Amino acid sequence: MEREKILQRISIDPAVCFGKPCIRGTRIWVSLILDNLAEGVSEAELLSEYPGLAPADIRAAIAYGAEMARERFVNVSMEKTA
């Protein structure tokens, strides 16, 4: 699926979830999906936990996160790992 088309699955509406990016037609925050994936929750677990989600919604959340990472700098520790 093309990036532009998949990003259409994301909506930002000030009247829904305080204007946070959500999966279109739901109140499921993009950040919730990304946080879960970062914690190791599998796609199958997410789809089971949130029946309104489709696999393309998860890809849309990842694509949205990638777009945001291009636009914003997030300060992370530069500590060396042993």
N, C-alpha and C. Protein backbone atom coordinates (compact mmCIF):
# COMPACT_ATOMS: atom_id res chain seq x y z
N MET A 1 0.85 -1.18 0.00
CA MET A 1 0.00 0.00 0.00
C MET A 1 0.89 1.24 0.00
N GLU A 2 0.59 2.24 -0.83
CA GLU A 2 1.37 3.46 -0.90
C GLU A 2 1.28 4.22 0.42
N ARG A 3 2.40 4.92 0.73
CA ARG A 3 2.46 5.67 1.99
C ARG A 3 1.29 6.65 2.12
N GLU A 4 1.02 7.43 1.08
CA GLU A 4 -0.07 8.41 1.15
C GLU A 4 -1.41 7.73 1.42
N LYS A 5 -1.64 6.62 0.77
CA LYS A 5 -2.91 5.91 0.94
C LYS A 5 -3.02 5.33 2.35
N ILE A 6 -1.93 4.75 2.84
CA ILE A 6 -1.99 4.14 4.18
C ILE A 6 -2.14 5.21 5.25
N LEU A 7 -1.54 6.38 5.04
CA LEU A 7 -1.66 7.44 6.03
C LEU A 7 -3.08 8.01 6.09
N GLN A 8 -3.90 7.74 5.10
CA GLN A 8 -5.30 8.17 5.14
C GLN A 8 -6.08 7.40 6.21
N ARG A 9 -5.49 6.35 6.74
CA ARG A 9 -6.14 5.58 7.81
C ARG A 9 -6.02 6.30 9.16
N ILE A 10 -5.23 7.37 9.20
CA ILE A 10 -5.01 8.15 10.42
C ILE A 10 -5.87 9.41 10.35
N SER A 11 -6.50 9.76 11.45
CA SER A 11 -7.26 11.01 11.49
C SER A 11 -6.83 11.83 12.71
N ILE A 12 -6.92 13.13 12.54
CA ILE A 12 -6.66 14.06 13.64
C ILE A 12 -7.84 15.02 13.66
N ASP A 13 -8.61 14.93 14.72
CA ASP A 13 -9.82 15.73 14.85
C ASP A 13 -9.83 16.31 16.26
N PRO A 14 -9.82 17.64 16.39
CA PRO A 14 -9.81 18.25 17.73
C PRO A 14 -10.97 17.80 18.61
N ALA A 15 -12.05 17.32 18.02
CA ALA A 15 -13.22 16.88 18.79
C ALA A 15 -13.13 15.41 19.21
N VAL A 16 -12.08 14.71 18.76
CA VAL A 16 -11.92 13.29 19.09
C VAL A 16 -10.57 13.09 19.77
N CYS A 17 -10.59 12.54 20.96
CA CYS A 17 -9.37 12.21 21.71
C CYS A 17 -8.41 13.39 21.81
N PHE A 18 -8.97 14.57 22.06
CA PHE A 18 -8.16 15.77 22.28
C PHE A 18 -7.28 16.12 21.08
N GLY A 19 -7.66 15.68 19.88
CA GLY A 19 -6.88 15.98 18.69
C GLY A 19 -5.66 15.11 18.48
N LYS A 20 -5.54 14.05 19.28
CA LYS A 20 -4.41 13.14 19.10
C LYS A 20 -4.64 12.29 17.85
N PRO A 21 -3.57 11.94 17.13
CA PRO A 21 -3.72 11.08 15.95
C PRO A 21 -4.32 9.73 16.35
N CYS A 22 -5.38 9.35 15.66
CA CYS A 22 -6.09 8.09 15.92
C CYS A 22 -6.26 7.34 14.61
N ILE A 23 -6.55 6.06 14.75
CA ILE A 23 -6.96 5.28 13.59
C ILE A 23 -8.35 5.78 13.20
N ARG A 24 -8.50 6.15 11.93
CA ARG A 24 -9.75 6.73 11.45
C ARG A 24 -10.95 5.86 11.84
N GLY A 25 -11.99 6.53 12.37
CA GLY A 25 -13.21 5.83 12.74
C GLY A 25 -13.15 5.15 14.10
N THR A 26 -12.03 5.32 14.81
CA THR A 26 -11.90 4.74 16.15
C THR A 26 -11.39 5.81 17.11
N ARG A 27 -11.25 5.42 18.34
CA ARG A 27 -10.60 6.27 19.33
C ARG A 27 -9.29 5.62 19.79
N ILE A 28 -8.72 4.84 18.91
CA ILE A 28 -7.45 4.15 19.22
C ILE A 28 -6.31 5.05 18.77
N TRP A 29 -5.54 5.52 19.74
CA TRP A 29 -4.43 6.43 19.46
C TRP A 29 -3.30 5.72 18.73
N VAL A 30 -2.71 6.42 17.79
CA VAL A 30 -1.51 5.92 17.12
C VAL A 30 -0.43 5.62 18.15
N SER A 31 -0.28 6.51 19.12
CA SER A 31 0.76 6.31 20.14
C SER A 31 0.53 5.04 20.95
N LEU A 32 -0.73 4.67 21.18
CA LEU A 32 -1.04 3.43 21.90
C LEU A 32 -0.52 2.23 21.12
N ILE A 33 -0.75 2.24 19.82
CA ILE A 33 -0.27 1.14 18.98
C ILE A 33 1.25 1.08 18.99
N LEU A 34 1.89 2.23 18.82
CA LEU A 34 3.35 2.26 18.79
C LEU A 34 3.95 1.86 20.14
N ASP A 35 3.36 2.33 21.22
CA ASP A 35 3.84 1.95 22.56
C ASP A 35 3.75 0.44 22.75
N ASN A 36 2.63 -0.14 22.35
CA ASN A 36 2.46 -1.59 22.49
C ASN A 36 3.49 -2.35 21.67
N LEU A 37 3.70 -1.93 20.43
CA LEU A 37 4.70 -2.59 19.59
C LEU A 37 6.09 -2.47 20.21
N ALA A 38 6.40 -1.29 20.76
CA ALA A 38 7.71 -1.08 21.39
C ALA A 38 7.89 -1.97 22.62
N GLU A 39 6.79 -2.30 23.28
CA GLU A 39 6.85 -3.17 24.46
C GLU A 39 6.91 -4.65 24.09
N GLY A 40 6.82 -4.94 22.79
CA GLY A 40 6.91 -6.33 22.36
C GLY A 40 5.58 -7.00 22.12
N VAL A 41 4.49 -6.25 22.19
CA VAL A 41 3.18 -6.83 21.90
C VAL A 41 3.13 -7.13 20.40
N SER A 42 2.70 -8.31 20.05
CA SER A 42 2.68 -8.70 18.64
C SER A 42 1.48 -8.09 17.92
N GLU A 43 1.57 -8.08 16.60
CA GLU A 43 0.45 -7.61 15.78
C GLU A 43 -0.79 -8.45 16.07
N ALA A 44 -0.63 -9.75 16.17
CA ALA A 44 -1.77 -10.63 16.45
C ALA A 44 -2.42 -10.29 17.79
N GLU A 45 -1.62 -10.00 18.80
CA GLU A 45 -2.17 -9.63 20.11
C GLU A 45 -2.94 -8.31 20.02
N LEU A 46 -2.38 -7.34 19.29
CA LEU A 46 -3.07 -6.05 19.13
C LEU A 46 -4.41 -6.24 18.44
N LEU A 47 -4.41 -7.04 17.38
CA LEU A 47 -5.65 -7.27 16.64
C LEU A 47 -6.69 -7.99 17.50
N SER A 48 -6.23 -8.85 18.38
CA SER A 48 -7.13 -9.56 19.28
C SER A 48 -7.68 -8.62 20.36
N GLU A 49 -6.81 -7.78 20.90
CA GLU A 49 -7.18 -6.85 21.97
C GLU A 49 -8.10 -5.73 21.47
N TYR A 50 -7.88 -5.31 20.24
CA TYR A 50 -8.64 -4.21 19.64
C TYR A 50 -9.29 -4.70 18.35
N PRO A 51 -10.45 -5.33 18.44
CA PRO A 51 -11.09 -5.94 17.27
C PRO A 51 -11.39 -4.96 16.14
N GLY A 52 -11.45 -3.68 16.43
CA GLY A 52 -11.71 -2.69 15.38
C GLY A 52 -10.50 -2.41 14.51
N LEU A 53 -9.34 -2.91 14.91
CA LEU A 53 -8.10 -2.69 14.14
C LEU A 53 -7.96 -3.70 13.02
N ALA A 54 -7.31 -3.25 11.95
CA ALA A 54 -6.93 -4.12 10.84
C ALA A 54 -5.42 -4.08 10.73
N PRO A 55 -4.81 -5.08 10.13
CA PRO A 55 -3.35 -5.05 9.96
C PRO A 55 -2.87 -3.77 9.28
N ALA A 56 -3.62 -3.25 8.33
CA ALA A 56 -3.22 -2.00 7.66
C ALA A 56 -3.22 -0.82 8.62
N ASP A 57 -4.06 -0.86 9.67
CA ASP A 57 -4.07 0.21 10.67
C ASP A 57 -2.75 0.22 11.44
N ILE A 58 -2.25 -0.94 11.75
CA ILE A 58 -0.97 -1.03 12.47
C ILE A 58 0.15 -0.50 11.59
N ARG A 59 0.15 -0.87 10.31
CA ARG A 59 1.15 -0.34 9.38
C ARG A 59 1.02 1.18 9.24
N ALA A 60 -0.21 1.69 9.26
CA ALA A 60 -0.43 3.13 9.18
C ALA A 60 0.14 3.83 10.40
N ALA A 61 -0.03 3.24 11.58
CA ALA A 61 0.54 3.83 12.80
C ALA A 61 2.06 3.88 12.71
N ILE A 62 2.67 2.82 12.21
CA ILE A 62 4.12 2.79 12.06
C ILE A 62 4.57 3.83 11.05
N ALA A 63 3.85 3.93 9.93
CA ALA A 63 4.19 4.91 8.90
C ALA A 63 4.06 6.34 9.45
N TYR A 64 3.02 6.58 10.24
CA TYR A 64 2.83 7.90 10.83
C TYR A 64 3.98 8.21 11.80
N GLY A 65 4.34 7.23 12.60
CA GLY A 65 5.47 7.41 13.52
C GLY A 65 6.76 7.72 12.77
N ALA A 66 6.97 7.06 11.64
CA ALA A 66 8.17 7.31 10.83
C ALA A 66 8.14 8.74 10.29
N GLU A 67 6.98 9.19 9.83
CA GLU A 67 6.86 10.57 9.34
C GLU A 67 7.17 11.57 10.45
N MET A 68 6.64 11.32 11.63
CA MET A 68 6.89 12.22 12.75
C MET A 68 8.37 12.24 13.15
N ALA A 69 9.03 11.10 13.05
CA ALA A 69 10.45 11.03 13.41
C ALA A 69 11.29 11.87 12.44
N ARG A 70 10.84 12.03 11.23
CA ARG A 70 11.55 12.87 10.27
C ARG A 70 11.40 14.34 10.62
N GLU A 71 10.32 14.68 11.31
CA GLU A 71 9.99 16.08 11.59
C GLU A 71 10.46 16.57 12.95
N ARG A 72 10.74 15.66 13.86
CA ARG A 72 11.01 16.06 15.23
C ARG A 72 12.24 15.36 15.75
N PHE A 73 13.00 16.06 16.56
CA PHE A 73 14.17 15.48 17.19
C PHE A 73 13.78 15.04 18.60
N VAL A 74 14.08 13.82 18.94
CA VAL A 74 13.81 13.30 20.28
C VAL A 74 15.16 13.03 20.93
N ASN A 75 15.41 13.68 22.04
CA ASN A 75 16.68 13.53 22.73
C ASN A 75 16.74 12.16 23.41
N VAL A 76 17.71 11.36 23.03
CA VAL A 76 17.92 10.06 23.66
C VAL A 76 19.32 10.01 24.22
N SER A 77 19.51 9.24 25.23
CA SER A 77 20.80 9.12 25.89
C SER A 77 21.84 8.57 24.93
N MET A 78 23.02 9.12 24.98
CA MET A 78 24.11 8.68 24.13
C MET A 78 25.09 7.80 24.90
N GLU A 79 24.62 7.22 26.01
CA GLU A 79 25.48 6.36 26.83
C GLU A 79 25.92 5.15 26.03
N LYS A 80 27.16 4.76 26.27
CA LYS A 80 27.67 3.56 25.60
C LYS A 80 27.14 2.33 26.34
N THR A 81 26.82 1.32 25.57
CA THR A 81 26.42 0.06 26.18
C THR A 81 27.62 -0.89 26.13
N ALA A 82 27.76 -1.66 27.16
CA ALA A 82 28.93 -2.55 27.28
C ALA A 82 28.87 -3.70 26.38
